[in-house]
Amino acid sequence: MDVKDAVRKNRSYRRFHEDIKIPSEHLLSMVEMATMTPSGRNIQALKYCIAASDELNGRIFKTLGWAGYLRDWDGPAPGERPSAYIIQMIDNNIATDCMCDDGIQAQSILLRATELGYGGCMIATVNRKELSSILSLPDNLRIRMVIAVGKPKETVVLERMKDGDCKYWRDSSGIHHVPKRPLQEICFFADCGTGFVSK
């Protein structure tokens, strides 16, 4: 799998084969990618907690919001929930700002998950106070996001965005459609001679 294929295949999956467990060495291999990823100021203030037990996963699930655009969906049903969660935290004893490290590291983690045959979803809608209590986190560890991981149980397809509508949606077959802006809309060549930009 080359980089382009990995990025294309790395979608936000929200339904999984919950019964397919992820070996601990695979989960550690995903988080290991964070140690190889560039870091602003090389401060490396992010830390991770892995949860993979059914009991703990059930408690974590209740603290998460799953899909803002799917108003009539409360998240994956039992049997379709993640096999594991990777909780990303910033260590305030190291820094109070991780710059853009959170997104870069999360993408690296999910690219490794994709390479290993899994999928996941970055979740920022989190009841952080409740989840911190569940995990008994010390005060210096502040939750940034939760990365849900498992064997995908849904098909996600990319489509060309129409009329600026960025909302993802599901069709009657349960296929998840994600509109994307075309390259020609987001990328321009700069003209150093005139200061103007041209497509």
Foldseek 3Di string as FASTA:
>chain_A
DDPVVLVQPADAFFWFQQVDADDPVLLVVLLVLLVVFDFVVSLSQKDKDKDQDPVLQVQQLVFFQGAPLCVVDRTYDPSTFFRMKIWMWGQVVRPPDRDCSVVRSLVSSQSSLVVVQKYKHKTQRGPFVSVCVSVVPPPRIGTRTMIGMHHHPAAEDEDADDPPDQHWDADPVRHIYGHDHDPVVVDWAADPVPRDIHD
